[in-house]
Protein backbone atom coordinates (compact mmCIF):
# COMPACT_ATOMS: atom_id res chain seq x y z
CA MET A 1 -6.75 179.02 48.14
CA ASN A 2 -6.03 182.62 46.69
CA ARG A 3 -9.40 183.35 45.32
CA GLU A 4 -8.33 185.97 42.95
CA LYS A 5 -5.77 183.53 41.22
CA CYS A 6 -8.44 180.80 41.01
CA THR A 7 -11.30 183.08 39.56
CA VAL A 8 -12.40 183.88 36.08
CA THR A 9 -14.40 187.10 35.93
CA ILE A 10 -16.72 188.40 33.15
CA GLN A 11 -18.42 191.82 33.52
CA ARG A 12 -21.04 193.31 31.22
CA ILE A 13 -23.62 196.18 31.37
CA LEU A 14 -26.83 194.60 30.55
CA LYS A 15 -29.57 196.88 29.00
CA ALA A 16 -32.27 195.69 31.22
CA PRO A 17 -33.59 196.55 34.69
CA ILE A 18 -32.13 194.56 37.73
CA GLN A 19 -35.41 192.79 38.42
CA LEU A 20 -35.68 191.34 34.87
CA VAL A 21 -32.09 190.25 34.99
CA TRP A 22 -32.76 188.57 38.40
CA GLU A 23 -35.85 186.70 36.98
CA ALA A 24 -33.88 185.53 33.93
CA TRP A 25 -31.44 183.88 36.29
CA THR A 26 -33.81 182.46 38.75
CA GLN A 27 -37.09 181.43 36.96
CA GLY A 28 -36.90 178.09 35.13
CA HIS A 29 -39.22 179.29 32.18
CA HIS A 30 -36.64 182.12 31.49
CA ILE A 31 -33.69 180.11 31.99
CA THR A 32 -34.56 177.66 29.23
CA ASN A 33 -34.45 180.49 26.72
CA TRP A 34 -30.79 181.57 27.19
CA TRP A 35 -28.71 179.11 29.29
CA GLY A 36 -26.15 177.54 27.11
CA PRO A 37 -24.30 178.48 23.98
CA LYS A 38 -26.11 179.38 20.78
CA GLY A 39 -27.59 176.45 19.14
CA THR A 40 -28.13 174.31 22.35
CA SER A 41 -31.48 173.37 23.79
CA LEU A 42 -32.01 173.07 27.42
CA GLN A 43 -34.27 170.87 29.49
CA ILE A 44 -34.60 171.61 33.18
CA GLU A 45 -34.72 168.39 35.25
CA GLU A 46 -34.59 170.01 38.63
CA HIS A 47 -34.93 173.59 39.80
CA ASP A 48 -35.34 174.02 43.54
CA PHE A 49 -34.64 177.81 43.94
CA ARG A 50 -33.79 178.13 47.60
CA VAL A 51 -30.61 177.90 49.77
CA GLU A 52 -29.31 174.34 49.57
CA GLY A 53 -31.86 173.70 46.76
CA LYS A 54 -30.55 171.60 43.78
CA TRP A 55 -30.72 172.53 40.20
CA ARG A 56 -29.98 170.14 37.23
CA TYR A 57 -30.16 171.00 33.54
CA SER A 58 -29.63 168.85 30.44
CA MET A 59 -28.00 170.72 27.48
CA MET A 60 -28.32 169.19 24.05
CA MET A 61 -25.38 170.48 21.75
CA PRO A 62 -25.93 170.98 18.07
CA ASN A 63 -23.74 168.02 17.39
CA GLY A 64 -26.08 165.83 19.58
CA GLN A 65 -23.76 165.64 22.51
CA GLU A 66 -25.51 166.07 25.88
CA PHE A 67 -24.05 167.94 28.83
CA ILE A 68 -25.34 167.75 32.35
CA THR A 69 -25.08 170.84 34.43
CA GLU A 70 -26.05 170.87 37.98
CA GLY A 71 -25.32 172.37 41.31
CA VAL A 72 -26.61 173.44 44.85
CA TYR A 73 -27.62 177.07 45.58
CA LYS A 74 -25.44 178.28 48.47
CA GLU A 75 -26.55 181.97 48.77
CA ILE A 76 -29.47 183.88 47.49
CA VAL A 77 -29.70 187.67 48.12
CA GLU A 78 -32.62 189.02 45.85
CA PRO A 79 -31.95 190.76 43.45
CA THR A 80 -28.17 191.29 43.85
CA ARG A 81 -26.35 188.04 44.59
CA LEU A 82 -26.62 184.36 43.64
CA VAL A 83 -23.93 181.80 44.64
CA THR A 84 -24.08 178.11 43.49
CA THR A 85 -21.86 175.13 43.24
CA ALA A 86 -21.66 173.93 39.63
CA ASP A 87 -20.75 170.80 37.60
CA PHE A 88 -20.71 170.86 33.82
CA ARG A 89 -20.17 167.28 32.98
CA PRO A 90 -17.92 166.18 31.18
CA MET A 91 -15.96 169.48 30.93
CA THR A 92 -15.89 171.33 34.27
CA GLU A 93 -16.51 170.09 37.80
CA GLY A 94 -16.17 171.43 41.27
CA VAL A 95 -16.48 175.13 40.54
CA ILE A 96 -18.49 177.91 42.26
CA LEU A 97 -20.47 180.42 40.27
CA GLU A 98 -21.09 183.85 41.79
CA VAL A 99 -23.61 186.14 39.97
CA LEU A 100 -23.45 189.84 41.23
CA LEU A 101 -26.14 192.42 39.91
CA GLU A 102 -26.05 196.10 40.59
CA ASP A 103 -28.95 198.40 39.82
CA ARG A 104 -28.22 201.13 37.23
CA GLY A 105 -31.81 202.12 36.54
CA GLU A 106 -32.74 200.81 33.12
CA GLU A 107 -29.39 198.91 32.97
CA THR A 108 -27.83 196.33 35.28
CA GLU A 109 -24.01 195.99 36.00
CA PHE A 110 -23.37 192.26 35.81
CA THR A 111 -20.37 190.56 37.32
CA PHE A 112 -19.89 186.85 36.97
CA HIS A 113 -17.28 184.84 38.72
CA VAL A 114 -16.27 181.28 38.16
CA ILE A 115 -14.17 180.27 41.25
CA HIS A 116 -12.09 177.10 40.65
CA PRO A 117 -10.55 174.94 43.39
CA THR A 118 -6.98 175.74 42.16
CA GLU A 119 -5.08 178.14 39.99
CA GLU A 120 -3.95 175.28 37.81
CA TYR A 121 -7.57 174.19 37.09
CA LYS A 122 -8.52 177.87 36.36
CA LEU A 123 -5.51 178.18 33.79
CA GLN A 124 -6.74 174.84 32.26
CA GLN A 125 -10.21 176.10 31.87
CA GLU A 126 -8.97 179.34 30.26
CA LYS A 127 -7.04 177.46 27.73
CA MET A 128 -10.20 175.35 26.93
CA GLY A 129 -12.17 178.57 26.12
CA ILE A 130 -14.05 179.38 29.27
CA TYR A 131 -14.30 183.18 28.22
CA ASN A 132 -15.66 182.36 24.83
CA GLY A 133 -18.06 179.64 26.12
CA TRP A 134 -19.57 182.01 28.85
CA GLY A 135 -19.39 184.93 26.48
CA SER A 136 -21.67 182.99 24.13
CA VAL A 137 -24.05 182.20 26.94
CA PHE A 138 -24.21 185.86 28.02
CA ASP A 139 -24.81 186.93 24.49
CA GLN A 140 -27.91 184.64 24.56
CA LEU A 141 -28.83 186.27 27.96
CA GLU A 142 -28.50 189.74 26.39
CA ASN A 143 -30.77 188.81 23.43
CA PHE A 144 -33.31 187.25 25.71
CA LEU A 145 -33.49 190.32 27.94
CA GLN A 146 -33.91 192.54 24.97
CA ASP A 147 -36.74 190.23 23.55
CA GLN A 148 -38.45 190.40 27.00
CA GLN A 149 -38.48 194.21 27.04
CA LYS A 150 -40.14 194.28 23.56
CA GLU A 151 -43.21 192.27 24.80
């Protein structure tokens, strides 16, 4: 597998310190506030945050359709790196998510990789709108981080 040809990458500068961004990604009570596109509601069914620990979320879309998202944590390096398997049924299965955070003081450089098993699968996901989908999720993350800093 040529990782570069199989990977979708999204990068942003988040206007929040790295520890807050890390907590947003790793603590269930934060995850429920931003995970998923705008208009979805999220229920955490399982969140065992440790290497080989499982996570499972149920996302209810505005149209009433339910999506199950789940995976297994493969690597955790606080507060800079998180790697997990991921299945988003019924749309995407068998991918690896890699979250990389780099401390920039009051900001965090955020790099997100979705690693697909094949280049063809990556291209299919791009046609289905993976950039817009995750972009919407990360807009929610940015809003959540801003709200947290106001409190």
